[in-house]
N, C-alpha and C. Protein backbone atom coordinates (compact mmCIF):
# COMPACT_ATOMS: atom_id res chain seq x y z
N MET A 1 7.56 -13.57 13.08
CA MET A 1 5.97 -13.14 13.42
C MET A 1 5.85 -12.43 12.21
N ASN A 2 4.21 -13.39 12.09
CA ASN A 2 3.66 -12.52 10.95
C ASN A 2 2.94 -11.07 11.25
N LEU A 3 2.89 -10.92 10.37
CA LEU A 3 1.63 -8.94 10.28
C LEU A 3 0.81 -9.25 11.45
N GLU A 4 -0.13 -10.20 11.24
CA GLU A 4 -1.46 -10.34 11.85
C GLU A 4 -0.82 -10.14 13.65
N GLU A 5 0.41 -10.88 14.03
CA GLU A 5 0.77 -11.00 14.97
C GLU A 5 1.63 -9.61 15.42
N LYS A 6 2.26 -9.10 14.87
CA LYS A 6 2.66 -7.37 14.60
C LYS A 6 1.60 -6.65 14.91
N LEU A 7 0.55 -6.69 14.25
CA LEU A 7 -0.70 -6.01 14.67
C LEU A 7 -1.42 -5.75 16.14
N VAL A 8 -1.36 -7.55 16.52
CA VAL A 8 -1.92 -7.40 17.99
C VAL A 8 -0.78 -6.84 18.79
N GLU A 9 0.75 -7.08 19.03
CA GLU A 9 1.23 -6.74 19.65
C GLU A 9 1.63 -5.10 19.44
N GLU A 10 1.83 -4.61 18.37
CA GLU A 10 1.31 -3.16 18.33
C GLU A 10 0.24 -2.55 19.20
N MET A 11 -1.09 -3.33 18.82
CA MET A 11 -2.20 -2.88 19.53
C MET A 11 -1.93 -2.53 21.48
N LYS A 12 -1.38 -3.71 21.48
CA LYS A 12 -1.28 -3.86 22.93
C LYS A 12 -0.24 -2.96 23.65
N GLN A 13 0.79 -2.72 22.97
CA GLN A 13 1.47 -1.31 23.43
C GLN A 13 0.94 -0.03 22.94
N ALA A 14 -0.04 0.25 22.38
CA ALA A 14 -0.70 1.08 22.23
C ALA A 14 -1.40 1.55 23.45
N MET A 15 -1.67 0.61 23.88
CA MET A 15 -2.88 0.42 25.01
C MET A 15 -2.06 1.10 26.25
N LYS A 16 -1.33 0.37 26.15
CA LYS A 16 -0.02 0.29 27.52
C LYS A 16 0.49 2.11 27.35
N THR A 17 0.28 2.74 26.58
CA THR A 17 1.23 4.11 26.38
C THR A 17 -0.19 4.85 26.26
N SER A 18 -1.36 4.51 25.85
CA SER A 18 -2.52 5.43 25.88
C SER A 18 -2.35 6.02 24.89
N ASP A 19 -1.84 5.79 23.48
CA ASP A 19 -1.75 6.32 22.31
C ASP A 19 -2.96 6.28 21.59
N LYS A 20 -3.99 6.87 21.36
CA LYS A 20 -5.02 6.69 21.18
C LYS A 20 -5.31 6.62 19.44
N ILE A 21 -4.56 7.53 19.09
CA ILE A 21 -5.00 7.95 17.64
C ILE A 21 -4.10 6.36 16.91
N ARG A 22 -3.07 5.86 17.62
CA ARG A 22 -2.33 4.65 17.09
C ARG A 22 -3.26 3.71 17.62
N LEU A 23 -3.66 3.59 18.71
CA LEU A 23 -4.78 2.22 18.88
C LEU A 23 -5.85 2.03 17.93
N SER A 24 -6.54 3.44 17.42
CA SER A 24 -7.68 3.51 16.55
C SER A 24 -7.31 3.05 15.19
N THR A 25 -6.10 3.42 14.78
CA THR A 25 -5.65 3.13 13.89
C THR A 25 -5.11 1.51 13.43
N ILE A 26 -4.99 1.22 14.36
CA ILE A 26 -4.67 -0.50 14.36
C ILE A 26 -5.57 -1.01 14.43
N ARG A 27 -6.74 -0.64 14.91
CA ARG A 27 -8.00 -1.24 15.14
C ARG A 27 -8.84 -1.64 13.92
N MET A 28 -9.00 -0.12 13.17
CA MET A 28 -9.10 -0.06 11.66
C MET A 28 -8.67 -1.14 10.84
N ILE A 29 -7.32 -1.28 10.97
CA ILE A 29 -6.75 -2.25 10.11
C ILE A 29 -7.15 -3.74 10.53
N ARG A 30 -7.32 -3.86 11.37
CA ARG A 30 -7.68 -5.49 12.02
C ARG A 30 -9.21 -5.62 11.37
N SER A 31 -10.02 -4.19 11.63
CA SER A 31 -11.51 -4.52 11.22
C SER A 31 -11.57 -4.86 9.98
N SER A 32 -10.45 -3.75 9.17
CA SER A 32 -10.66 -4.04 7.75
C SER A 32 -9.88 -5.66 7.10
N SER A 33 -9.27 -5.56 8.07
CA SER A 33 -8.60 -7.09 7.47
C SER A 33 -9.56 -8.15 7.78
N LYS A 34 -10.24 -8.19 8.85
CA LYS A 34 -10.95 -9.24 9.13
C LYS A 34 -12.37 -8.75 8.23
N ASN A 35 -12.73 -7.65 7.65
CA ASN A 35 -14.10 -8.22 6.81
C ASN A 35 -13.59 -8.67 5.57
N LYS A 36 -12.11 -8.53 5.03
CA LYS A 36 -11.62 -8.91 3.63
C LYS A 36 -11.55 -10.64 3.97
N GLU A 37 -10.90 -10.97 5.11
CA GLU A 37 -11.32 -12.49 5.60
C GLU A 37 -12.56 -12.97 5.30
N PHE A 38 -13.63 -11.95 5.72
CA PHE A 38 -14.72 -12.61 5.45
C PHE A 38 -15.30 -12.70 4.30
N GLU A 39 -15.02 -11.68 3.76
CA GLU A 39 -15.41 -11.61 2.14
C GLU A 39 -14.65 -12.78 1.36
N LEU A 40 -13.33 -12.89 1.59
CA LEU A 40 -12.70 -13.71 0.75
C LEU A 40 -12.86 -15.69 1.00
N ARG A 41 -13.33 -15.45 2.38
CA ARG A 41 -13.55 -17.09 3.29
C ARG A 41 -12.43 -17.56 3.55
N ARG A 42 -11.34 -16.71 3.72
CA ARG A 42 -9.97 -17.69 4.37
C ARG A 42 -9.27 -16.91 5.18
N LYS A 43 -8.30 -17.10 5.45
CA LYS A 43 -7.30 -16.63 6.63
C LYS A 43 -6.46 -15.76 5.70
N LEU A 44 -6.27 -14.34 6.02
CA LEU A 44 -5.45 -13.34 5.16
C LEU A 44 -4.20 -13.99 5.68
N GLU A 45 -3.26 -13.60 3.94
CA GLU A 45 -1.70 -13.88 4.39
C GLU A 45 -1.04 -12.61 4.42
N ASP A 46 0.00 -12.41 4.96
CA ASP A 46 0.75 -11.29 5.02
C ASP A 46 0.39 -10.17 4.12
N GLU A 47 1.03 -10.76 2.38
CA GLU A 47 0.27 -10.07 1.48
C GLU A 47 -0.89 -9.21 1.15
N ASP A 48 -1.92 -9.94 1.73
CA ASP A 48 -3.38 -9.72 1.99
C ASP A 48 -3.53 -8.62 2.52
N ILE A 49 -2.97 -8.77 3.87
CA ILE A 49 -2.85 -7.32 4.66
C ILE A 49 -2.53 -6.38 4.28
N LEU A 50 -1.22 -6.59 3.57
CA LEU A 50 -0.48 -5.41 3.06
C LEU A 50 -1.47 -4.33 1.84
N LYS A 51 -2.20 -5.31 1.18
CA LYS A 51 -3.03 -4.83 0.17
C LYS A 51 -3.98 -3.79 0.88
N VAL A 52 -4.68 -4.23 1.94
CA VAL A 52 -5.49 -3.70 2.76
C VAL A 52 -5.31 -2.52 3.13
N ILE A 53 -4.25 -2.43 3.95
CA ILE A 53 -3.44 -1.23 4.44
C ILE A 53 -2.99 -0.50 3.43
N GLN A 54 -2.63 -0.69 2.31
CA GLN A 54 -2.13 0.17 1.24
C GLN A 54 -3.82 0.74 0.50
N GLY A 55 -4.73 -0.11 0.66
CA GLY A 55 -5.97 0.85 0.34
C GLY A 55 -6.79 1.62 0.90
N MET A 56 -6.34 1.45 2.56
CA MET A 56 -6.28 2.26 3.79
C MET A 56 -5.59 3.64 3.37
N VAL A 57 -4.28 3.52 3.23
CA VAL A 57 -3.70 4.81 2.78
C VAL A 57 -4.17 5.68 1.60
N ARG A 58 -4.31 5.03 0.61
CA ARG A 58 -4.87 5.49 -0.66
C ARG A 58 -6.25 6.14 -0.31
N LYS A 59 -7.22 5.41 0.34
CA LYS A 59 -8.61 6.25 1.00
C LYS A 59 -8.15 7.72 1.76
N GLY A 60 -7.15 7.36 2.80
CA GLY A 60 -6.77 8.34 3.50
C GLY A 60 -6.44 9.98 2.94
N GLU A 61 -5.48 9.48 2.12
CA GLU A 61 -5.15 10.30 1.05
C GLU A 61 -5.61 11.25 0.36
N GLU A 62 -7.18 10.59 0.00
CA GLU A 62 -8.35 10.96 -0.72
C GLU A 62 -8.97 11.77 0.17
N SER A 63 -9.09 11.25 1.52
CA SER A 63 -9.68 12.03 2.45
C SER A 63 -9.09 13.37 2.57
N VAL A 64 -7.28 13.53 2.52
CA VAL A 64 -6.75 14.91 3.14
C VAL A 64 -7.46 15.74 1.80
N GLU A 65 -7.44 15.43 0.83
CA GLU A 65 -7.64 16.12 -0.05
C GLU A 65 -9.21 16.78 -0.26
N GLN A 66 -9.90 16.31 0.26
CA GLN A 66 -10.92 16.88 0.32
C GLN A 66 -11.34 17.58 1.97
N PHE A 67 -10.76 17.44 2.79
CA PHE A 67 -10.57 17.82 3.94
C PHE A 67 -9.76 19.07 3.78
N GLN A 68 -9.08 19.17 2.80
CA GLN A 68 -8.03 20.65 2.59
C GLN A 68 -9.29 21.80 1.76
N ALA A 69 -9.98 20.82 0.86
CA ALA A 69 -10.96 21.53 -0.10
C ALA A 69 -11.85 21.96 0.85
N GLY A 70 -12.29 21.67 1.73
CA GLY A 70 -13.44 21.66 2.72
C GLY A 70 -13.14 22.80 3.72
N GLY A 71 -11.65 23.03 4.02
CA GLY A 71 -10.98 24.14 5.25
C GLY A 71 -11.27 23.23 6.20
N ARG A 72 -11.17 22.10 6.33
CA ARG A 72 -10.97 21.30 7.81
C ARG A 72 -9.76 20.69 8.02
N ASN A 73 -9.21 21.80 8.49
CA ASN A 73 -7.67 21.47 8.91
C ASN A 73 -7.48 20.73 9.99
N ASP A 74 -8.16 20.42 11.22
CA ASP A 74 -8.35 19.57 12.18
C ASP A 74 -8.64 18.04 11.66
N LEU A 75 -9.15 17.77 10.76
CA LEU A 75 -9.60 16.39 10.22
C LEU A 75 -8.57 16.20 9.10
N VAL A 76 -7.67 17.24 8.69
CA VAL A 76 -6.74 16.73 7.72
C VAL A 76 -5.71 16.56 8.68
N GLU A 77 -5.04 16.95 9.69
CA GLU A 77 -3.97 16.64 10.32
C GLU A 77 -4.12 15.02 11.43
N LYS A 78 -5.39 14.77 11.63
CA LYS A 78 -5.85 13.53 12.01
C LYS A 78 -5.43 12.58 10.91
N GLU A 79 -6.27 12.95 9.95
CA GLU A 79 -5.96 12.37 8.72
C GLU A 79 -4.48 11.66 8.54
N LYS A 80 -3.46 12.91 8.55
CA LYS A 80 -2.47 12.64 8.17
C LYS A 80 -1.62 11.69 9.24
N ALA A 81 -2.07 11.86 10.66
CA ALA A 81 -1.80 11.26 11.74
C ALA A 81 -1.93 9.60 11.38
N GLU A 82 -3.36 9.28 10.77
CA GLU A 82 -3.39 8.36 10.47
C GLU A 82 -2.54 7.30 9.57
N ILE A 83 -2.38 8.25 8.32
CA ILE A 83 -1.76 7.78 6.99
C ILE A 83 -0.30 7.43 7.37
N GLU A 84 0.21 8.02 8.35
CA GLU A 84 1.83 7.90 8.59
C GLU A 84 1.74 6.81 9.41
N ILE A 85 0.64 6.49 10.14
CA ILE A 85 1.09 5.09 11.27
C ILE A 85 0.42 3.87 10.25
N LEU A 86 -0.34 3.99 9.01
CA LEU A 86 -0.49 2.92 8.34
C LEU A 86 0.68 2.71 7.62
N LYS A 87 1.44 3.98 7.38
CA LYS A 87 2.35 3.56 6.49
C LYS A 87 3.84 2.62 7.13
N SER A 88 3.46 2.70 8.09
CA SER A 88 4.78 2.55 9.34
C SER A 88 4.34 0.47 9.20
N PHE A 89 3.63 0.12 8.48
CA PHE A 89 3.43 -1.19 8.53
C PHE A 89 3.52 -1.74 7.33
N LEU A 90 3.98 -0.58 6.39
CA LEU A 90 4.36 -1.03 5.13
C LEU A 90 6.07 -1.31 4.87
N PRO A 91 6.14 -2.37 3.90
CA PRO A 91 7.58 -2.29 3.56
C PRO A 91 8.08 -1.12 3.06
N GLN A 92 9.55 -0.82 3.16
CA GLN A 92 10.27 0.35 2.90
C GLN A 92 10.01 0.36 1.05
N PRO A 93 9.20 1.49 0.67
CA PRO A 93 8.86 1.35 -0.83
C PRO A 93 10.44 1.48 -1.55
N LEU A 94 10.39 1.12 -2.85
CA LEU A 94 11.40 1.15 -3.63
C LEU A 94 12.05 2.49 -4.10
N THR A 95 13.23 2.61 -4.90
CA THR A 95 13.53 4.07 -5.12
C THR A 95 13.27 3.98 -6.49
N GLN A 96 13.52 4.93 -7.23
CA GLN A 96 12.54 4.76 -8.64
C GLN A 96 13.87 4.29 -9.62
N GLU A 97 15.28 4.06 -9.12
CA GLU A 97 16.34 3.27 -10.07
C GLU A 97 16.10 1.67 -9.86
N GLU A 98 15.80 1.20 -8.29
CA GLU A 98 15.46 -0.02 -8.10
C GLU A 98 14.28 -0.43 -9.01
N MET A 99 13.54 0.14 -8.89
CA MET A 99 11.85 -0.43 -9.82
C MET A 99 12.36 -0.10 -11.30
N ILE A 100 13.34 0.92 -11.84
CA ILE A 100 13.44 0.82 -13.51
C ILE A 100 14.22 -0.47 -13.38
N LYS A 101 15.13 -0.63 -12.50
CA LYS A 101 15.84 -2.07 -12.98
C LYS A 101 15.05 -3.43 -13.26
N ILE A 102 14.07 -3.33 -11.96
CA ILE A 102 13.44 -4.53 -12.04
C ILE A 102 12.52 -4.82 -13.34
N ILE A 103 11.69 -3.48 -13.36
CA ILE A 103 11.06 -3.33 -14.81
C ILE A 103 11.74 -3.69 -16.12
N ASP A 104 12.82 -3.06 -16.16
CA ASP A 104 14.01 -3.43 -17.40
C ASP A 104 14.11 -5.14 -17.30
N GLU A 105 14.47 -5.81 -16.70
CA GLU A 105 14.53 -7.17 -16.42
C GLU A 105 13.28 -8.22 -16.83
N ILE A 106 12.11 -7.77 -16.50
CA ILE A 106 11.11 -7.93 -16.70
C ILE A 106 10.52 -7.78 -18.15
N ILE A 107 11.29 -6.59 -18.74
CA ILE A 107 10.58 -6.33 -20.21
C ILE A 107 11.49 -7.76 -21.07
N GLN A 108 12.81 -7.12 -20.64
CA GLN A 108 13.90 -8.25 -21.05
C GLN A 108 13.09 -9.78 -21.02
N GLU A 109 12.46 -10.16 -20.09
CA GLU A 109 12.06 -11.41 -19.81
C GLU A 109 10.55 -11.89 -20.52
N THR A 110 9.80 -10.73 -20.72
CA THR A 110 8.77 -11.31 -21.92
C THR A 110 9.12 -10.67 -22.69
N GLN A 111 9.93 -10.04 -23.32
CA GLN A 111 10.12 -9.76 -24.60
C GLN A 111 9.36 -8.89 -25.12
N ALA A 112 9.14 -7.99 -24.36
CA ALA A 112 8.14 -6.63 -24.81
C ALA A 112 8.79 -5.66 -25.69
N SER A 113 8.24 -5.11 -26.41
CA SER A 113 9.02 -4.16 -27.71
C SER A 113 8.19 -2.77 -27.57
N SER A 114 6.40 -3.08 -27.13
CA SER A 114 5.90 -1.73 -27.90
C SER A 114 4.62 -1.40 -26.59
N LEU A 115 3.78 -0.29 -26.70
CA LEU A 115 3.12 -0.22 -25.58
C LEU A 115 2.00 -1.18 -25.65
N LYS A 116 1.95 -1.85 -26.52
CA LYS A 116 1.16 -3.11 -26.64
C LYS A 116 0.93 -4.30 -26.00
N ASP A 117 2.32 -4.43 -25.53
CA ASP A 117 2.59 -5.33 -24.39
C ASP A 117 2.84 -4.58 -22.86
N LEU A 118 1.99 -3.50 -22.74
CA LEU A 118 2.26 -2.99 -21.44
C LEU A 118 0.91 -4.12 -20.64
N GLY A 119 0.00 -4.87 -21.15
CA GLY A 119 -0.40 -5.45 -19.79
C GLY A 119 0.32 -6.53 -19.74
N LYS A 120 0.98 -6.98 -20.36
CA LYS A 120 1.94 -8.40 -20.14
C LYS A 120 2.58 -7.85 -19.35
N VAL A 121 3.59 -6.92 -19.46
CA VAL A 121 4.59 -6.72 -18.47
C VAL A 121 4.03 -5.86 -16.99
N MET A 122 3.02 -5.19 -17.20
CA MET A 122 2.28 -5.06 -15.37
C MET A 122 2.12 -6.03 -14.93
N LYS A 123 1.36 -7.44 -15.67
CA LYS A 123 1.05 -8.67 -14.90
C LYS A 123 1.92 -8.95 -14.22
N ALA A 124 3.18 -9.00 -15.07
CA ALA A 124 4.85 -9.39 -14.62
C ALA A 124 5.22 -8.61 -13.36
N VAL A 125 5.28 -7.49 -13.56
CA VAL A 125 5.54 -6.30 -12.48
C VAL A 125 4.90 -6.68 -11.35
N MET A 126 3.86 -6.65 -11.33
CA MET A 126 3.06 -6.39 -10.02
C MET A 126 3.53 -7.41 -8.91
N PRO A 127 3.37 -8.70 -9.37
CA PRO A 127 3.69 -9.17 -7.89
C PRO A 127 5.11 -9.31 -7.33
N ARG A 128 5.91 -8.65 -8.26
CA ARG A 128 7.34 -8.51 -7.65
C ARG A 128 7.54 -7.28 -7.03
N LEU A 129 6.79 -6.18 -7.44
CA LEU A 129 7.10 -4.79 -6.68
C LEU A 129 5.56 -4.48 -6.05
N GLY A 130 4.61 -5.16 -5.97
CA GLY A 130 3.27 -5.13 -5.30
C GLY A 130 3.36 -4.23 -4.33
N GLY A 131 3.76 -4.46 -2.58
CA GLY A 131 3.68 -4.03 -1.84
C GLY A 131 4.51 -2.52 -1.47
N LYS A 132 5.77 -2.65 -2.42
CA LYS A 132 6.78 -1.96 -2.23
C LYS A 132 6.70 -0.36 -3.20
N ALA A 133 5.70 -0.35 -3.97
CA ALA A 133 5.75 0.49 -5.25
C ALA A 133 4.29 1.28 -5.53
N ASP A 134 3.79 2.32 -5.70
CA ASP A 134 2.18 2.73 -5.98
C ASP A 134 2.39 1.91 -7.31
N GLY A 135 1.11 1.57 -7.58
CA GLY A 135 1.09 0.81 -9.13
C GLY A 135 0.84 2.01 -10.22
N LYS A 136 0.33 3.41 -9.87
CA LYS A 136 0.35 4.45 -10.93
C LYS A 136 2.02 4.77 -11.39
N VAL A 137 2.57 4.77 -10.32
CA VAL A 137 3.84 5.22 -10.30
C VAL A 137 4.77 3.91 -11.34
N ILE A 138 4.36 2.84 -11.15
CA ILE A 138 4.88 1.41 -11.88
C ILE A 138 4.31 1.68 -13.08
N ASN A 139 3.36 1.87 -13.55
CA ASN A 139 2.44 2.09 -14.90
C ASN A 139 3.12 3.22 -15.44
N GLN A 140 3.09 4.22 -15.12
CA GLN A 140 3.60 5.13 -15.56
C GLN A 140 5.54 4.98 -16.24
N LEU A 141 6.15 4.26 -15.45
CA LEU A 141 7.60 3.93 -15.79
C LEU A 141 7.39 2.71 -16.64
N VAL A 142 6.69 1.84 -16.46
CA VAL A 142 6.47 0.69 -17.55
C VAL A 142 6.07 1.39 -18.97
N LYS A 143 5.53 2.21 -18.92
CA LYS A 143 5.07 3.28 -20.04
C LYS A 143 6.34 3.68 -21.15
N GLU A 144 7.00 4.43 -20.16
CA GLU A 144 8.28 5.37 -20.50
C GLU A 144 8.97 4.34 -20.97
N ARG A 145 9.21 3.38 -20.61
CA ARG A 145 10.48 2.00 -20.69
C ARG A 145 9.62 1.55 -22.45
N LEU A 146 8.39 1.42 -22.44
CA LEU A 146 8.16 0.50 -23.72
C LEU A 146 7.89 1.89 -24.80
N SER A 147 7.70 3.00 -24.54
CA SER A 147 7.66 4.13 -25.45
C SER A 147 8.78 4.38 -26.58
N PRO A 148 8.91 4.23 -27.65
CA PRO A 148 9.87 4.45 -28.63
C PRO A 148 10.78 5.78 -28.66
């Protein structure tokens, strides 16, 4: 079962159980996916849908910060609930040790030796770690590994 089919099944289940937050969140995912599909003019693969969901999580986390700054705790709670639902569709994130192991392998493969090679390493790392780790964390770890 691909991710699109899983979303449809989860949406049906949310309708049956009257889980309004889950239902609206899944509908947001499907809507954003359809928009991305229209933009790219092709059928989305699971990786593409995961990128859409990751973007939605990132936007949600930014919204939580803004709502907290504005004192809107009601919206903070709603947004946090949506983020948890979004994260349930993402693969399990890797531990820091697993990320470092993969980064070290790629540094050896690309024969990177200094921060000048950061772009080359990131280009090789992101396809492997893409949906399983945050890009900012990966970038920071690569910088630490390449620093003298």
